[in-house]
């Protein structure tokens, strides 16, 4: 099934380069997030007041949860970007999955993993 409504191969290659760059940065960010919560060791509060230590432990738990959420969001973002690369290979990249129309290049540059046009996104509300 050949889509009449699709981006030319040159444009797809440009989007591919943009997405690969975003994946590399996102994976780097994910490693930073992971190392931040892996290294949540002792912050030298052994000899301080017990109330402060309890407060700090609560804070560490909160930041660990926040980091876990950040990591999960980052993993989903990377997965979405990788799926966009598959759509480029299939030459279906940039086609709205609801309307079948092309998603604007401006939108794809801002949200390269978008699968909905602005029109379709507004219909969801």
C-alpha atoms as a PDB file:
ATOM      1  CA  UNK A   1       0.000   0.000   0.000  1.00  0.00           C
ATOM      2  CA  UNK A   2       1.750   3.149  -1.224  1.00  0.00           C
ATOM      3  CA  UNK A   3       0.797   6.287   0.674  1.00  0.00           C
ATOM      4  CA  UNK A   4       0.279   9.301  -1.555  1.00  0.00           C
ATOM      5  CA  UNK A   5       0.208  11.419   1.563  1.00  0.00           C
ATOM      6  CA  UNK A   6       3.732  11.153   2.926  1.00  0.00           C
ATOM      7  CA  UNK A   7       6.948  13.053   3.442  1.00  0.00           C
ATOM      8  CA  UNK A   8       9.614  12.695   0.722  1.00  0.00           C
ATOM      9  CA  UNK A   9      12.614  10.488   1.517  1.00  0.00           C
ATOM     10  CA  UNK A  10      14.935  13.506   1.943  1.00  0.00           C
ATOM     11  CA  UNK A  11      12.660  14.949   4.639  1.00  0.00           C
ATOM     12  CA  UNK A  12      12.417  11.546   6.323  1.00  0.00           C
ATOM     13  CA  UNK A  13      16.223  11.386   6.487  1.00  0.00           C
ATOM     14  CA  UNK A  14      16.311  14.825   8.138  1.00  0.00           C
ATOM     15  CA  UNK A  15      13.738  13.716  10.709  1.00  0.00           C
ATOM     16  CA  UNK A  16      15.708  10.499  11.256  1.00  0.00           C
ATOM     17  CA  UNK A  17      18.875  12.481  12.065  1.00  0.00           C
ATOM     18  CA  UNK A  18      16.920  14.724  14.463  1.00  0.00           C
ATOM     19  CA  UNK A  19      15.346  11.716  16.211  1.00  0.00           C
ATOM     20  CA  UNK A  20      18.652   9.828  16.515  1.00  0.00           C
ATOM     21  CA  UNK A  21      20.192  12.944  18.107  1.00  0.00           C
ATOM     22  CA  UNK A  22      17.252  13.169  20.549  1.00  0.00           C
ATOM     23  CA  UNK A  23      17.564   9.455  21.415  1.00  0.00           C
ATOM     24  CA  UNK A  24      21.276   9.848  22.202  1.00  0.00           C
ATOM     25  CA  UNK A  25      20.591  12.850  24.454  1.00  0.00           C
ATOM     26  CA  UNK A  26      17.614  11.123  26.124  1.00  0.00           C
ATOM     27  CA  UNK A  27      19.679   7.991  26.833  1.00  0.00           C
ATOM     28  CA  UNK A  28      22.435  10.146  28.311  1.00  0.00           C
ATOM     29  CA  UNK A  29      19.861  11.939  30.496  1.00  0.00           C
ATOM     30  CA  UNK A  30      18.427   8.578  31.568  1.00  0.00           C
ATOM     31  CA  UNK A  31      21.899   7.410  32.660  1.00  0.00           C
ATOM     32  CA  UNK A  32      22.299  10.595  34.724  1.00  0.00           C
ATOM     33  CA  UNK A  33      18.915  10.030  36.391  1.00  0.00           C
ATOM     34  CA  UNK A  34      19.757   6.391  37.118  1.00  0.00           C
ATOM     35  CA  UNK A  35      23.165   7.195  38.545  1.00  0.00           C
ATOM     36  CA  UNK A  36      21.591   9.898  40.733  1.00  0.00           C
ATOM     37  CA  UNK A  37      19.361   7.385  42.469  1.00  0.00           C
ATOM     38  CA  UNK A  38      21.901   4.580  42.500  1.00  0.00           C
ATOM     39  CA  UNK A  39      24.356   6.828  44.380  1.00  0.00           C
ATOM     40  CA  UNK A  40      21.835   7.960  47.009  1.00  0.00           C
ATOM     41  CA  UNK A  41      24.166   6.761  49.722  1.00  0.00           C
ATOM     42  CA  UNK A  42      24.961   8.158  53.117  1.00  0.00           C
ATOM     43  CA  UNK A  43      25.067  11.952  53.148  1.00  0.00           C
ATOM     44  CA  UNK A  44      27.064  12.191  56.356  1.00  0.00           C
ATOM     45  CA  UNK A  45      24.145  12.585  58.786  1.00  0.00           C
ATOM     46  CA  UNK A  46      25.283   9.826  61.176  1.00  0.00           C
ATOM     47  CA  UNK A  47      26.228  12.164  63.999  1.00  0.00           C
ATOM     48  CA  UNK A  48      23.477  14.778  63.560  1.00  0.00           C
ATOM     49  CA  UNK A  49      20.221  15.089  65.469  1.00  0.00           C
ATOM     50  CA  UNK A  50      17.808  12.136  64.994  1.00  0.00           C
ATOM     51  CA  UNK A  51      15.003  14.455  63.835  1.00  0.00           C
ATOM     52  CA  UNK A  52      17.170  15.853  61.074  1.00  0.00           C
ATOM     53  CA  UNK A  53      18.196  12.332  60.043  1.00  0.00           C
ATOM     54  CA  UNK A  54      14.526  11.254  59.846  1.00  0.00           C
ATOM     55  CA  UNK A  55      13.727  14.324  57.766  1.00  0.00           C
ATOM     56  CA  UNK A  56      16.639  13.629  55.449  1.00  0.00           C
ATOM     57  CA  UNK A  57      15.640   9.968  55.015  1.00  0.00           C
ATOM     58  CA  UNK A  58      12.123  11.076  54.105  1.00  0.00           C
ATOM     59  CA  UNK A  59      13.594  13.517  51.616  1.00  0.00           C
ATOM     60  CA  UNK A  60      15.789  10.785  50.118  1.00  0.00           C
ATOM     61  CA  UNK A  61      12.748   8.536  49.703  1.00  0.00           C
ATOM     62  CA  UNK A  62      10.887  11.357  47.976  1.00  0.00           C
ATOM     63  CA  UNK A  63      13.773  12.092  45.621  1.00  0.00           C
ATOM     64  CA  UNK A  64      14.187   8.384  44.864  1.00  0.00           C
ATOM     65  CA  UNK A  65      10.489   8.186  43.920  1.00  0.00           C
ATOM     66  CA  UNK A  66      10.773  11.360  41.857  1.00  0.00           C
ATOM     67  CA  UNK A  67      13.861   9.975  40.097  1.00  0.00           C
ATOM     68  CA  UNK A  68      12.072   6.699  39.403  1.00  0.00           C
ATOM     69  CA  UNK A  69       9.174   8.620  37.832  1.00  0.00           C
ATOM     70  CA  UNK A  70      11.629  10.696  35.788  1.00  0.00           C
ATOM     71  CA  UNK A  71      13.405   7.544  34.641  1.00  0.00           C
ATOM     72  CA  UNK A  72      10.115   5.893  33.621  1.00  0.00           C
ATOM     73  CA  UNK A  73       9.080   8.992  31.662  1.00  0.00           C
ATOM     74  CA  UNK A  74      12.480   9.113  29.990  1.00  0.00           C
ATOM     75  CA  UNK A  75      12.264   5.407  29.041  1.00  0.00           C
ATOM     76  CA  UNK A  76       8.830   5.992  27.481  1.00  0.00           C
ATOM     77  CA  UNK A  77      10.179   9.010  25.569  1.00  0.00           C
ATOM     78  CA  UNK A  78      13.053   6.891  24.182  1.00  0.00           C
ATOM     79  CA  UNK A  79      10.592   4.114  23.240  1.00  0.00           C
ATOM     80  CA  UNK A  80       8.351   6.649  21.455  1.00  0.00           C
ATOM     81  CA  UNK A  81      11.349   8.041  19.557  1.00  0.00           C
ATOM     82  CA  UNK A  82      12.459   4.533  18.530  1.00  0.00           C
ATOM     83  CA  UNK A  83       8.919   3.831  17.308  1.00  0.00           C
ATOM     84  CA  UNK A  84       9.168   7.020  15.234  1.00  0.00           C
ATOM     85  CA  UNK A  85      12.315   5.589  13.584  1.00  0.00           C
ATOM     86  CA  UNK A  86      10.323   2.468  12.661  1.00  0.00           C
ATOM     87  CA  UNK A  87       7.652   4.691  11.075  1.00  0.00           C
ATOM     88  CA  UNK A  88      10.407   6.416   9.081  1.00  0.00           C
ATOM     89  CA  UNK A  89      11.601   3.025   7.802  1.00  0.00           C
ATOM     90  CA  UNK A  90       7.977   2.150   6.895  1.00  0.00           C
ATOM     91  CA  UNK A  91       7.571   5.600   5.294  1.00  0.00           C
ATOM     92  CA  UNK A  92       4.498   6.252   7.441  1.00  0.00           C
ATOM     93  CA  UNK A  93       6.269   8.840   9.604  1.00  0.00           C
ATOM     94  CA  UNK A  94       4.503  12.173   9.905  1.00  0.00           C
ATOM     95  CA  UNK A  95       1.091  10.823   8.899  1.00  0.00           C
ATOM     96  CA  UNK A  96      -1.636  11.448  11.492  1.00  0.00           C
ATOM     97  CA  UNK A  97      -3.031   8.117  12.691  1.00  0.00           C
ATOM     98  CA  UNK A  98      -6.541   9.629  13.015  1.00  0.00           C
ATOM     99  CA  UNK A  99      -6.980  11.942  10.028  1.00  0.00           C
ATOM    100  CA  UNK A 100      -4.446  10.356   7.658  1.00  0.00           C
ATOM    101  CA  UNK A 101      -3.180  13.857   6.838  1.00  0.00           C
ATOM    102  CA  UNK A 102       0.422  14.964   7.138  1.00  0.00           C
ATOM    103  CA  UNK A 103       1.450  16.319  10.531  1.00  0.00           C
ATOM    104  CA  UNK A 104       3.102  19.708  10.031  1.00  0.00           C
ATOM    105  CA  UNK A 105       6.896  19.681   9.817  1.00  0.00           C
ATOM    106  CA  UNK A 106       7.005  22.402  12.498  1.00  0.00           C
ATOM    107  CA  UNK A 107       5.114  20.140  14.923  1.00  0.00           C
ATOM    108  CA  UNK A 108       7.359  17.174  14.113  1.00  0.00           C
ATOM    109  CA  UNK A 109      10.481  19.245  14.757  1.00  0.00           C
ATOM    110  CA  UNK A 110       9.135  20.153  18.208  1.00  0.00           C
ATOM    111  CA  UNK A 111       7.557  16.746  18.980  1.00  0.00           C
ATOM    112  CA  UNK A 112       9.348  14.290  16.659  1.00  0.00           C
ATOM    113  CA  UNK A 113       7.454  11.291  18.050  1.00  0.00           C
ATOM    114  CA  UNK A 114       4.015  12.835  17.402  1.00  0.00           C
ATOM    115  CA  UNK A 115       1.463  10.509  15.798  1.00  0.00           C
ATOM    116  CA  UNK A 116      -1.428  12.980  15.830  1.00  0.00           C
ATOM    117  CA  UNK A 117      -1.924  16.227  13.959  1.00  0.00           C
ATOM    118  CA  UNK A 118      -2.996  19.292  15.947  1.00  0.00           C
ATOM    119  CA  UNK A 119      -6.471  18.808  14.418  1.00  0.00           C
ATOM    120  CA  UNK A 120      -6.716  15.234  15.762  1.00  0.00           C
ATOM    121  CA  UNK A 121      -5.277  16.291  19.130  1.00  0.00           C
ATOM    122  CA  UNK A 122      -8.019  18.917  19.501  1.00  0.00           C
ATOM    123  CA  UNK A 123     -10.676  16.285  18.712  1.00  0.00           C
ATOM    124  CA  UNK A 124      -9.483  14.266  21.737  1.00  0.00           C
ATOM    125  CA  UNK A 125     -10.435  16.969  24.210  1.00  0.00           C
END
